[in-house]
């Protein structure tokens, strides 16, 4: 593989993200796809499947900060003090403690 010409395509149902490190090769790939499918350019990538995307000179970064903040708000946990483990050591919970299970399930 020639590391000078790398193109990645991420496809989910009818959404596609295409990135690459060679602008000319990338455009050729997009043109070939466009010849077969109706593509619509949506601008620079800011979000994909709920994951925020940003870039700077050092690279491309993915984050779920907004999702985590929304999850904290949903369970009214936004003002809690951070701890290494979200459950007190030795505390037993029953399988019926739905709020805690829902919050932890949201992290998956």
PDB file of N, CA and C in Angstrom:
ATOM      1  N   UNK A   1       0.844  -1.178   0.000  1.00  0.00           N
ATOM      2  CA  UNK A   1       0.000   0.000   0.000  1.00  0.00           C
ATOM      3  C   UNK A   1       0.887   1.238   0.000  1.00  0.00           C
ATOM      4  N   UNK A   2       0.544   2.177  -0.840  1.00  0.00           N
ATOM      5  CA  UNK A   2       1.272   3.435  -0.889  1.00  0.00           C
ATOM      6  C   UNK A   2       0.710   4.369   0.180  1.00  0.00           C
ATOM      7  N   UNK A   3       1.499   4.678   1.194  1.00  0.00           N
ATOM      8  CA  UNK A   3       1.016   5.505   2.301  1.00  0.00           C
ATOM      9  C   UNK A   3       0.789   6.956   1.895  1.00  0.00           C
ATOM     10  N   UNK A   4       1.218   7.338   0.690  1.00  0.00           N
ATOM     11  CA  UNK A   4       0.990   8.707   0.227  1.00  0.00           C
ATOM     12  C   UNK A   4      -0.434   8.910  -0.264  1.00  0.00           C
ATOM     13  N   UNK A   5      -1.136   7.831  -0.568  1.00  0.00           N
ATOM     14  CA  UNK A   5      -2.482   7.914  -1.120  1.00  0.00           C
ATOM     15  C   UNK A   5      -3.428   7.033  -0.319  1.00  0.00           C
ATOM     16  N   UNK A   6      -3.924   7.544   0.774  1.00  0.00           N
ATOM     17  CA  UNK A   6      -4.835   6.782   1.621  1.00  0.00           C
ATOM     18  C   UNK A   6      -6.201   7.450   1.591  1.00  0.00           C
ATOM     19  N   UNK A   7      -7.230   6.645   1.343  1.00  0.00           N
ATOM     20  CA  UNK A   7      -8.607   7.128   1.351  1.00  0.00           C
ATOM     21  C   UNK A   7      -9.412   6.194   2.246  1.00  0.00           C
ATOM     22  N   UNK A   8     -10.177   6.784   3.149  1.00  0.00           N
ATOM     23  CA  UNK A   8     -11.070   6.022   4.007  1.00  0.00           C
ATOM     24  C   UNK A   8     -12.495   6.460   3.729  1.00  0.00           C
ATOM     25  N   UNK A   9     -13.401   5.493   3.680  1.00  0.00           N
ATOM     26  CA  UNK A   9     -14.823   5.801   3.527  1.00  0.00           C
ATOM     27  C   UNK A   9     -15.572   5.116   4.656  1.00  0.00           C
ATOM     28  N   UNK A  10     -16.390   5.873   5.346  1.00  0.00           N
ATOM     29  CA  UNK A  10     -17.228   5.357   6.418  1.00  0.00           C
ATOM     30  C   UNK A  10     -18.667   5.497   5.959  1.00  0.00           C
ATOM     31  N   UNK A  11     -19.370   4.372   5.866  1.00  0.00           N
ATOM     32  CA  UNK A  11     -20.731   4.381   5.343  1.00  0.00           C
ATOM     33  C   UNK A  11     -21.686   3.857   6.404  1.00  0.00           C
ATOM     34  N   UNK A  12     -22.777   4.590   6.611  1.00  0.00           N
ATOM     35  CA  UNK A  12     -23.845   4.140   7.490  1.00  0.00           C
ATOM     36  C   UNK A  12     -25.162   4.468   6.801  1.00  0.00           C
ATOM     37  N   UNK A  13     -25.873   3.460   6.371  1.00  0.00           N
ATOM     38  CA  UNK A  13     -27.130   3.558   5.632  1.00  0.00           C
ATOM     39  C   UNK A  13     -26.935   4.483   4.427  1.00  0.00           C
ATOM     40  N   UNK A  14     -27.434   5.722   4.491  1.00  0.00           N
ATOM     41  CA  UNK A  14     -27.284   6.627   3.348  1.00  0.00           C
ATOM     42  C   UNK A  14     -26.347   7.790   3.656  1.00  0.00           C
ATOM     43  N   UNK A  15     -25.561   7.674   4.704  1.00  0.00           N
ATOM     44  CA  UNK A  15     -24.562   8.689   5.040  1.00  0.00           C
ATOM     45  C   UNK A  15     -23.181   8.137   4.765  1.00  0.00           C
ATOM     46  N   UNK A  16     -22.326   8.972   4.228  1.00  0.00           N
ATOM     47  CA  UNK A  16     -20.965   8.537   3.933  1.00  0.00           C
ATOM     48  C   UNK A  16     -19.994   9.665   4.277  1.00  0.00           C
ATOM     49  N   UNK A  17     -18.908   9.284   4.909  1.00  0.00           N
ATOM     50  CA  UNK A  17     -17.814  10.206   5.196  1.00  0.00           C
ATOM     51  C   UNK A  17     -16.611   9.677   4.438  1.00  0.00           C
ATOM     52  N   UNK A  18     -15.983  10.550   3.665  1.00  0.00           N
ATOM     53  CA  UNK A  18     -14.810  10.161   2.885  1.00  0.00           C
ATOM     54  C   UNK A  18     -13.674  11.092   3.270  1.00  0.00           C
ATOM     55  N   UNK A  19     -12.570  10.513   3.690  1.00  0.00           N
ATOM     56  CA  UNK A  19     -11.400  11.314   4.033  1.00  0.00           C
ATOM     57  C   UNK A  19     -10.179  10.717   3.359  1.00  0.00           C
ATOM     58  N   UNK A  20      -9.194  11.542   3.136  1.00  0.00           N
ATOM     59  CA  UNK A  20      -7.967  11.065   2.523  1.00  0.00           C
ATOM     60  C   UNK A  20      -6.869  12.096   2.656  1.00  0.00           C
ATOM     61  N   UNK A  21      -5.666  11.669   2.339  1.00  0.00           N
ATOM     62  CA  UNK A  21      -4.531  12.574   2.480  1.00  0.00           C
ATOM     63  C   UNK A  21      -3.987  13.062   1.140  1.00  0.00           C
ATOM     64  N   UNK A  22      -4.672  12.717   0.052  1.00  0.00           N
ATOM     65  CA  UNK A  22      -4.259  13.173  -1.272  1.00  0.00           C
ATOM     66  C   UNK A  22      -5.497  13.772  -1.944  1.00  0.00           C
ATOM     67  N   UNK A  23      -5.550  15.099  -2.031  1.00  0.00           N
ATOM     68  CA  UNK A  23      -6.718  15.790  -2.551  1.00  0.00           C
ATOM     69  C   UNK A  23      -7.127  15.349  -3.943  1.00  0.00           C
ATOM     70  N   UNK A  24      -6.154  15.124  -4.825  1.00  0.00           N
ATOM     71  CA  UNK A  24      -6.454  14.735  -6.198  1.00  0.00           C
ATOM     72  C   UNK A  24      -7.069  13.332  -6.241  1.00  0.00           C
ATOM     73  N   UNK A  25      -6.476  12.391  -5.526  1.00  0.00           N
ATOM     74  CA  UNK A  25      -7.002  11.032  -5.483  1.00  0.00           C
ATOM     75  C   UNK A  25      -8.384  11.005  -4.816  1.00  0.00           C
ATOM     76  N   UNK A  26      -8.536  11.802  -3.786  1.00  0.00           N
ATOM     77  CA  UNK A  26      -9.805  11.889  -3.081  1.00  0.00           C
ATOM     78  C   UNK A  26     -10.897  12.391  -4.019  1.00  0.00           C
ATOM     79  N   UNK A  27     -10.613  13.432  -4.791  1.00  0.00           N
ATOM     80  CA  UNK A  27     -11.602  13.977  -5.723  1.00  0.00           C
ATOM     81  C   UNK A  27     -11.945  12.965  -6.812  1.00  0.00           C
ATOM     82  N   UNK A  28     -10.963  12.220  -7.288  1.00  0.00           N
ATOM     83  CA  UNK A  28     -11.230  11.183  -8.298  1.00  0.00           C
ATOM     84  C   UNK A  28     -12.175  10.115  -7.723  1.00  0.00           C
ATOM     85  N   UNK A  29     -11.943   9.719  -6.495  1.00  0.00           N
ATOM     86  CA  UNK A  29     -12.793   8.729  -5.834  1.00  0.00           C
ATOM     87  C   UNK A  29     -14.224   9.260  -5.693  1.00  0.00           C
ATOM     88  N   UNK A  30     -14.363  10.500  -5.275  1.00  0.00           N
ATOM     89  CA  UNK A  30     -15.686  11.117  -5.117  1.00  0.00           C
ATOM     90  C   UNK A  30     -16.389  11.228  -6.464  1.00  0.00           C
ATOM     91  N   UNK A  31     -15.649  11.607  -7.495  1.00  0.00           N
ATOM     92  CA  UNK A  31     -16.246  11.717  -8.833  1.00  0.00           C
ATOM     93  C   UNK A  31     -16.762  10.367  -9.321  1.00  0.00           C
ATOM     94  N   UNK A  32     -16.023   9.291  -9.053  1.00  0.00           N
ATOM     95  CA  UNK A  32     -16.475   7.948  -9.453  1.00  0.00           C
ATOM     96  C   UNK A  32     -17.735   7.552  -8.691  1.00  0.00           C
ATOM     97  N   UNK A  33     -17.774   7.850  -7.418  1.00  0.00           N
ATOM     98  CA  UNK A  33     -18.988   7.568  -6.633  1.00  0.00           C
ATOM     99  C   UNK A  33     -20.162   8.383  -7.149  1.00  0.00           C
ATOM    100  N   UNK A  34     -19.914   9.654  -7.452  1.00  0.00           N
ATOM    101  CA  UNK A  34     -20.964  10.551  -7.923  1.00  0.00           C
ATOM    102  C   UNK A  34     -21.526  10.103  -9.264  1.00  0.00           C
ATOM    103  N   UNK A  35     -20.715   9.432 -10.074  1.00  0.00           N
ATOM    104  CA  UNK A  35     -21.178   8.936 -11.368  1.00  0.00           C
ATOM    105  C   UNK A  35     -22.177   7.776 -11.189  1.00  0.00           C
ATOM    106  N   UNK A  36     -22.083   7.083 -10.053  1.00  0.00           N
ATOM    107  CA  UNK A  36     -22.961   5.941  -9.790  1.00  0.00           C
ATOM    108  C   UNK A  36     -24.119   6.263  -8.852  1.00  0.00           C
ATOM    109  N   UNK A  37     -23.914   7.219  -7.968  1.00  0.00           N
ATOM    110  CA  UNK A  37     -24.904   7.545  -6.942  1.00  0.00           C
ATOM    111  C   UNK A  37     -25.109   9.059  -6.898  1.00  0.00           C
ATOM    112  N   UNK A  38     -26.261   9.464  -6.428  1.00  0.00           N
ATOM    113  CA  UNK A  38     -26.539  10.895  -6.281  1.00  0.00           C
ATOM    114  C   UNK A  38     -25.922  11.357  -4.958  1.00  0.00           C
ATOM    115  N   UNK A  39     -24.790  12.026  -5.038  1.00  0.00           N
ATOM    116  CA  UNK A  39     -24.116  12.513  -3.840  1.00  0.00           C
ATOM    117  C   UNK A  39     -24.498  13.957  -3.580  1.00  0.00           C
ATOM    118  N   UNK A  40     -24.529  14.318  -2.308  1.00  0.00           N
ATOM    119  CA  UNK A  40     -24.774  15.697  -1.917  1.00  0.00           C
ATOM    120  C   UNK A  40     -23.692  16.086  -0.930  1.00  0.00           C
ATOM    121  N   UNK A  41     -22.900  17.081  -1.281  1.00  0.00           N
ATOM    122  CA  UNK A  41     -21.829  17.551  -0.405  1.00  0.00           C
ATOM    123  C   UNK A  41     -22.434  18.386   0.709  1.00  0.00           C
ATOM    124  N   UNK A  42     -22.158  18.014   1.941  1.00  0.00           N
ATOM    125  CA  UNK A  42     -22.748  18.682   3.099  1.00  0.00           C
ATOM    126  C   UNK A  42     -21.756  19.612   3.803  1.00  0.00           C
ATOM    127  N   UNK A  43     -20.617  19.854   3.194  1.00  0.00           N
ATOM    128  CA  UNK A  43     -19.623  20.741   3.806  1.00  0.00           C
ATOM    129  C   UNK A  43     -18.652  19.967   4.679  1.00  0.00           C
ATOM    130  N   UNK A  44     -17.846  20.720   5.404  1.00  0.00           N
ATOM    131  CA  UNK A  44     -16.872  20.089   6.291  1.00  0.00           C
ATOM    132  C   UNK A  44     -17.587  19.273   7.362  1.00  0.00           C
ATOM    133  N   UNK A  45     -16.979  18.167   7.718  1.00  0.00           N
ATOM    134  CA  UNK A  45     -17.552  17.252   8.700  1.00  0.00           C
ATOM    135  C   UNK A  45     -17.498  17.861  10.096  1.00  0.00           C
ATOM    136  N   UNK A  46     -18.660  18.012  10.724  1.00  0.00           N
ATOM    137  CA  UNK A  46     -18.755  18.511  12.095  1.00  0.00           C
ATOM    138  C   UNK A  46     -19.329  17.467  13.036  1.00  0.00           C
ATOM    139  N   UNK A  47     -20.167  16.573  12.487  1.00  0.00           N
ATOM    140  CA  UNK A  47     -20.828  15.566  13.292  1.00  0.00           C
ATOM    141  C   UNK A  47     -21.182  14.383  12.408  1.00  0.00           C
ATOM    142  N   UNK A  48     -21.091  13.173  12.970  1.00  0.00           N
ATOM    143  CA  UNK A  48     -21.485  11.973  12.245  1.00  0.00           C
ATOM    144  C   UNK A  48     -21.988  10.967  13.257  1.00  0.00           C
ATOM    145  N   UNK A  49     -23.242  10.549  13.112  1.00  0.00           N
ATOM    146  CA  UNK A  49     -23.870   9.586  14.015  1.00  0.00           C
ATOM    147  C   UNK A  49     -23.783  10.020  15.474  1.00  0.00           C
ATOM    148  N   UNK A  50     -23.944  11.305  15.717  1.00  0.00           N
ATOM    149  CA  UNK A  50     -23.918  11.824  17.075  1.00  0.00           C
ATOM    150  C   UNK A  50     -22.531  12.077  17.635  1.00  0.00           C
ATOM    151  N   UNK A  51     -21.518  11.779  16.872  1.00  0.00           N
ATOM    152  CA  UNK A  51     -20.142  12.002  17.315  1.00  0.00           C
ATOM    153  C   UNK A  51     -19.659  13.314  16.722  1.00  0.00           C
ATOM    154  N   UNK A  52     -19.168  14.197  17.592  1.00  0.00           N
ATOM    155  CA  UNK A  52     -18.663  15.482  17.124  1.00  0.00           C
ATOM    156  C   UNK A  52     -17.268  15.293  16.529  1.00  0.00           C
ATOM    157  N   UNK A  53     -17.003  16.045  15.483  1.00  0.00           N
ATOM    158  CA  UNK A  53     -15.736  15.933  14.777  1.00  0.00           C
ATOM    159  C   UNK A  53     -15.111  17.319  14.667  1.00  0.00           C
ATOM    160  N   UNK A  54     -13.843  17.415  14.998  1.00  0.00           N
ATOM    161  CA  UNK A  54     -13.137  18.671  14.768  1.00  0.00           C
ATOM    162  C   UNK A  54     -11.704  18.372  14.369  1.00  0.00           C
ATOM    163  N   UNK A  55     -11.102  19.326  13.722  1.00  0.00           N
ATOM    164  CA  UNK A  55      -9.724  19.141  13.266  1.00  0.00           C
ATOM    165  C   UNK A  55      -8.911  20.376  13.541  1.00  0.00           C
ATOM    166  N   UNK A  56      -7.621  20.144  13.661  1.00  0.00           N
ATOM    167  CA  UNK A  56      -6.666  21.238  13.724  1.00  0.00           C
ATOM    168  C   UNK A  56      -5.430  20.780  12.956  1.00  0.00           C
ATOM    169  N   UNK A  57      -4.355  21.503  13.081  1.00  0.00           N
ATOM    170  CA  UNK A  57      -3.165  21.178  12.298  1.00  0.00           C
ATOM    171  C   UNK A  57      -2.558  19.832  12.680  1.00  0.00           C
ATOM    172  N   UNK A  58      -2.886  19.318  13.868  1.00  0.00           N
ATOM    173  CA  UNK A  58      -2.297  18.048  14.303  1.00  0.00           C
ATOM    174  C   UNK A  58      -3.124  16.837  13.918  1.00  0.00           C
ATOM    175  N   UNK A  59      -4.392  17.031  13.535  1.00  0.00           N
ATOM    176  CA  UNK A  59      -5.180  15.869  13.141  1.00  0.00           C
ATOM    177  C   UNK A  59      -6.676  16.072  13.230  1.00  0.00           C
ATOM    178  N   UNK A  60      -7.378  14.962  13.115  1.00  0.00           N
ATOM    179  CA  UNK A  60      -8.830  14.906  13.150  1.00  0.00           C
ATOM    180  C   UNK A  60      -9.224  14.251  14.467  1.00  0.00           C
ATOM    181  N   UNK A  61     -10.178  14.853  15.183  1.00  0.00           N
ATOM    182  CA  UNK A  61     -10.538  14.369  16.506  1.00  0.00           C
ATOM    183  C   UNK A  61     -12.029  14.074  16.596  1.00  0.00           C
ATOM    184  N   UNK A  62     -12.371  13.015  17.299  1.00  0.00           N
ATOM    185  CA  UNK A  62     -13.748  12.624  17.532  1.00  0.00           C
ATOM    186  C   UNK A  62     -14.032  12.746  19.024  1.00  0.00           C
ATOM    187  N   UNK A  63     -15.203  13.263  19.362  1.00  0.00           N
ATOM    188  CA  UNK A  63     -15.552  13.415  20.764  1.00  0.00           C
ATOM    189  C   UNK A  63     -17.057  13.239  20.943  1.00  0.00           C
ATOM    190  N   UNK A  64     -17.456  12.788  22.115  1.00  0.00           N
ATOM    191  CA  UNK A  64     -18.863  12.671  22.452  1.00  0.00           C
ATOM    192  C   UNK A  64     -19.189  13.560  23.652  1.00  0.00           C
ATOM    193  N   UNK A  65     -18.529  14.697  23.737  1.00  0.00           N
ATOM    194  CA  UNK A  65     -18.723  15.608  24.859  1.00  0.00           C
ATOM    195  C   UNK A  65     -20.181  16.021  25.003  1.00  0.00           C
ATOM    196  N   UNK A  66     -20.819  16.438  23.911  1.00  0.00           N
ATOM    197  CA  UNK A  66     -22.220  16.866  23.975  1.00  0.00           C
ATOM    198  C   UNK A  66     -23.099  15.723  24.463  1.00  0.00           C
ATOM    199  N   UNK A  67     -22.859  14.521  23.973  1.00  0.00           N
ATOM    200  CA  UNK A  67     -23.641  13.365  24.405  1.00  0.00           C
ATOM    201  C   UNK A  67     -23.494  13.146  25.910  1.00  0.00           C
ATOM    202  N   UNK A  68     -22.263  13.242  26.417  1.00  0.00           N
ATOM    203  CA  UNK A  68     -22.024  13.024  27.846  1.00  0.00           C
ATOM    204  C   UNK A  68     -22.688  14.116  28.684  1.00  0.00           C
ATOM    205  N   UNK A  69     -22.601  15.371  28.245  1.00  0.00           N
ATOM    206  CA  UNK A  69     -23.243  16.468  28.975  1.00  0.00           C
ATOM    207  C   UNK A  69     -24.764  16.258  28.995  1.00  0.00           C
ATOM    208  N   UNK A  70     -25.345  15.874  27.853  1.00  0.00           N
ATOM    209  CA  UNK A  70     -26.781  15.613  27.791  1.00  0.00           C
ATOM    210  C   UNK A  70     -27.177  14.446  28.695  1.00  0.00           C
ATOM    211  N   UNK A  71     -26.342  13.413  28.753  1.00  0.00           N
ATOM    212  CA  UNK A  71     -26.611  12.267  29.623  1.00  0.00           C
ATOM    213  C   UNK A  71     -26.575  12.684  31.095  1.00  0.00           C
ATOM    214  N   UNK A  72     -25.599  13.496  31.472  1.00  0.00           N
ATOM    215  CA  UNK A  72     -25.520  13.995  32.849  1.00  0.00           C
ATOM    216  C   UNK A  72     -26.752  14.825  33.199  1.00  0.00           C
ATOM    217  N   UNK A  73     -27.195  15.669  32.266  1.00  0.00           N
ATOM    218  CA  UNK A  73     -28.388  16.487  32.508  1.00  0.00           C
ATOM    219  C   UNK A  73     -29.639  15.620  32.635  1.00  0.00           C
ATOM    220  N   UNK A  74     -29.746  14.610  31.793  1.00  0.00           N
ATOM    221  CA  UNK A  74     -30.917  13.732  31.792  1.00  0.00           C
ATOM    222  C   UNK A  74     -31.139  13.104  33.164  1.00  0.00           C
ATOM    223  N   UNK A  75     -30.062  12.721  33.822  1.00  0.00           N
ATOM    224  CA  UNK A  75     -30.171  12.059  35.122  1.00  0.00           C
ATOM    225  C   UNK A  75     -29.897  13.016  36.287  1.00  0.00           C
ATOM    226  N   UNK A  76     -29.832  14.306  35.985  1.00  0.00           N
ATOM    227  CA  UNK A  76     -29.579  15.334  36.993  1.00  0.00           C
ATOM    228  C   UNK A  76     -28.269  15.059  37.741  1.00  0.00           C
ATOM    229  N   UNK A  77     -27.246  14.672  36.988  1.00  0.00           N
ATOM    230  CA  UNK A  77     -25.933  14.365  37.550  1.00  0.00           C
ATOM    231  C   UNK A  77     -24.902  15.441  37.234  1.00  0.00           C
ATOM    232  N   UNK A  78     -25.313  16.531  36.600  1.00  0.00           N
ATOM    233  CA  UNK A  78     -24.338  17.505  36.109  1.00  0.00           C
ATOM    234  C   UNK A  78     -23.559  18.226  37.203  1.00  0.00           C
ATOM    235  N   UNK A  79     -24.073  18.263  38.427  1.00  0.00           N
ATOM    236  CA  UNK A  79     -23.368  18.950  39.511  1.00  0.00           C
ATOM    237  C   UNK A  79     -22.700  17.994  40.495  1.00  0.00           C
ATOM    238  N   UNK A  80     -22.650  16.722  40.149  1.00  0.00           N
ATOM    239  CA  UNK A  80     -22.021  15.752  41.035  1.00  0.00           C
ATOM    240  C   UNK A  80     -20.505  15.887  40.997  1.00  0.00           C
ATOM    241  N   UNK A  81     -19.870  15.538  42.088  1.00  0.00           N
ATOM    242  CA  UNK A  81     -18.417  15.574  42.179  1.00  0.00           C
ATOM    243  C   UNK A  81     -17.843  14.344  41.461  1.00  0.00           C
ATOM    244  N   UNK A  82     -16.854  14.536  40.600  1.00  0.00           N
ATOM    245  CA  UNK A  82     -16.262  13.398  39.885  1.00  0.00           C
ATOM    246  C   UNK A  82     -15.568  12.425  40.846  1.00  0.00           C
ATOM    247  N   UNK A  83     -15.707  11.142  40.568  1.00  0.00           N
ATOM    248  CA  UNK A  83     -15.026  10.091  41.322  1.00  0.00           C
ATOM    249  C   UNK A  83     -14.522   9.048  40.330  1.00  0.00           C
ATOM    250  N   UNK A  84     -13.482   8.292  40.703  1.00  0.00           N
ATOM    251  CA  UNK A  84     -12.947   7.299  39.773  1.00  0.00           C
ATOM    252  C   UNK A  84     -13.936   6.181  39.446  1.00  0.00           C
ATOM    253  N   UNK A  85     -14.816   5.849  40.374  1.00  0.00           N
ATOM    254  CA  UNK A  85     -15.816   4.806  40.174  1.00  0.00           C
ATOM    255  C   UNK A  85     -17.179   5.418  40.464  1.00  0.00           C
ATOM    256  N   UNK A  86     -18.147   5.272  39.568  1.00  0.00           N
ATOM    257  CA  UNK A  86     -19.426   5.956  39.773  1.00  0.00           C
ATOM    258  C   UNK A  86     -20.324   5.333  40.838  1.00  0.00           C
ATOM    259  N   UNK A  87     -19.852   4.363  41.571  1.00  0.00           N
ATOM    260  CA  UNK A  87     -20.642   3.721  42.611  1.00  0.00           C
ATOM    261  C   UNK A  87     -19.770   3.543  43.837  1.00  0.00           C
ATOM    262  N   UNK A  88     -20.306   3.860  44.977  1.00  0.00           N
ATOM    263  CA  UNK A  88     -19.544   3.715  46.218  1.00  0.00           C
ATOM    264  C   UNK A  88     -19.114   2.263  46.396  1.00  0.00           C
ATOM    265  N   UNK A  89     -17.878   2.081  46.819  1.00  0.00           N
ATOM    266  CA  UNK A  89     -17.341   0.739  47.031  1.00  0.00           C
ATOM    267  C   UNK A  89     -18.153   0.053  48.122  1.00  0.00           C
ATOM    268  N   UNK A  90     -18.550  -1.180  47.865  1.00  0.00           N
ATOM    269  CA  UNK A  90     -19.285  -1.952  48.850  1.00  0.00           C
ATOM    270  C   UNK A  90     -20.789  -1.755  48.810  1.00  0.00           C
ATOM    271  N   UNK A  91     -21.281  -0.776  48.063  1.00  0.00           N
ATOM    272  CA  UNK A  91     -22.728  -0.538  47.983  1.00  0.00           C
ATOM    273  C   UNK A  91     -23.338  -1.557  47.030  1.00  0.00           C
ATOM    274  N   UNK A  92     -24.358  -2.214  47.479  1.00  0.00           N
ATOM    275  CA  UNK A  92     -25.046  -3.193  46.644  1.00  0.00           C
ATOM    276  C   UNK A  92     -26.268  -2.534  46.011  1.00  0.00           C
ATOM    277  N   UNK A  93     -26.483  -2.826  44.745  1.00  0.00           N
ATOM    278  CA  UNK A  93     -27.691  -2.334  44.086  1.00  0.00           C
ATOM    279  C   UNK A  93     -28.482  -3.537  43.615  1.00  0.00           C
ATOM    280  N   UNK A  94     -29.769  -3.389  43.596  1.00  0.00           N
ATOM    281  CA  UNK A  94     -30.597  -4.490  43.111  1.00  0.00           C
ATOM    282  C   UNK A  94     -30.760  -4.361  41.608  1.00  0.00           C
ATOM    283  N   UNK A  95     -31.157  -5.443  41.001  1.00  0.00           N
ATOM    284  CA  UNK A  95     -31.354  -5.418  39.550  1.00  0.00           C
ATOM    285  C   UNK A  95     -32.521  -4.517  39.150  1.00  0.00           C
ATOM    286  N   UNK A  96     -33.299  -4.079  40.132  1.00  0.00           N
ATOM    287  CA  UNK A  96     -34.463  -3.240  39.850  1.00  0.00           C
ATOM    288  C   UNK A  96     -34.173  -1.744  39.948  1.00  0.00           C
ATOM    289  N   UNK A  97     -32.949  -1.347  40.274  1.00  0.00           N
ATOM    290  CA  UNK A  97     -32.617   0.076  40.370  1.00  0.00           C
ATOM    291  C   UNK A  97     -32.422   0.629  38.965  1.00  0.00           C
ATOM    292  N   UNK A  98     -33.559   0.969  38.353  1.00  0.00           N
ATOM    293  CA  UNK A  98     -33.588   1.337  36.942  1.00  0.00           C
ATOM    294  C   UNK A  98     -32.837   2.603  36.577  1.00  0.00           C
ATOM    295  N   UNK A  99     -32.891   3.629  37.441  1.00  0.00           N
ATOM    296  CA  UNK A  99     -32.237   4.892  37.110  1.00  0.00           C
ATOM    297  C   UNK A  99     -30.732   4.698  36.938  1.00  0.00           C
ATOM    298  N   UNK A 100     -30.111   4.031  37.886  1.00  0.00           N
ATOM    299  CA  UNK A 100     -28.669   3.795  37.805  1.00  0.00           C
ATOM    300  C   UNK A 100     -28.339   2.937  36.592  1.00  0.00           C
ATOM    301  N   UNK A 101     -29.123   1.899  36.371  1.00  0.00           N
ATOM    302  CA  UNK A 101     -28.877   1.013  35.224  1.00  0.00           C
ATOM    303  C   UNK A 101     -29.044   1.771  33.917  1.00  0.00           C
ATOM    304  N   UNK A 102     -30.018   2.660  33.843  1.00  0.00           N
ATOM    305  CA  UNK A 102     -30.212   3.447  32.618  1.00  0.00           C
ATOM    306  C   UNK A 102     -29.047   4.379  32.376  1.00  0.00           C
ATOM    307  N   UNK A 103     -28.551   5.009  33.436  1.00  0.00           N
ATOM    308  CA  UNK A 103     -27.410   5.929  33.304  1.00  0.00           C
ATOM    309  C   UNK A 103     -26.166   5.184  32.840  1.00  0.00           C
ATOM    310  N   UNK A 104     -25.900   4.040  33.463  1.00  0.00           N
ATOM    311  CA  UNK A 104     -24.728   3.256  33.066  1.00  0.00           C
ATOM    312  C   UNK A 104     -24.912   2.702  31.660  1.00  0.00           C
ATOM    313  N   UNK A 105     -26.137   2.278  31.338  1.00  0.00           N
ATOM    314  CA  UNK A 105     -26.423   1.776  29.986  1.00  0.00           C
ATOM    315  C   UNK A 105     -26.201   2.842  28.922  1.00  0.00           C
ATOM    316  N   UNK A 106     -26.437   4.097  29.270  1.00  0.00           N
ATOM    317  CA  UNK A 106     -26.217   5.199  28.328  1.00  0.00           C
ATOM    318  C   UNK A 106     -24.747   5.397  27.993  1.00  0.00           C
ATOM    319  N   UNK A 107     -23.868   4.864  28.830  1.00  0.00           N
ATOM    320  CA  UNK A 107     -22.436   4.993  28.580  1.00  0.00           C
ATOM    321  C   UNK A 107     -21.932   3.981  27.557  1.00  0.00           C
ATOM    322  N   UNK A 108     -22.725   2.948  27.310  1.00  0.00           N
ATOM    323  CA  UNK A 108     -22.266   1.887  26.389  1.00  0.00           C
ATOM    324  C   UNK A 108     -22.351   2.330  24.942  1.00  0.00           C
TER     325      UNK A 108
END
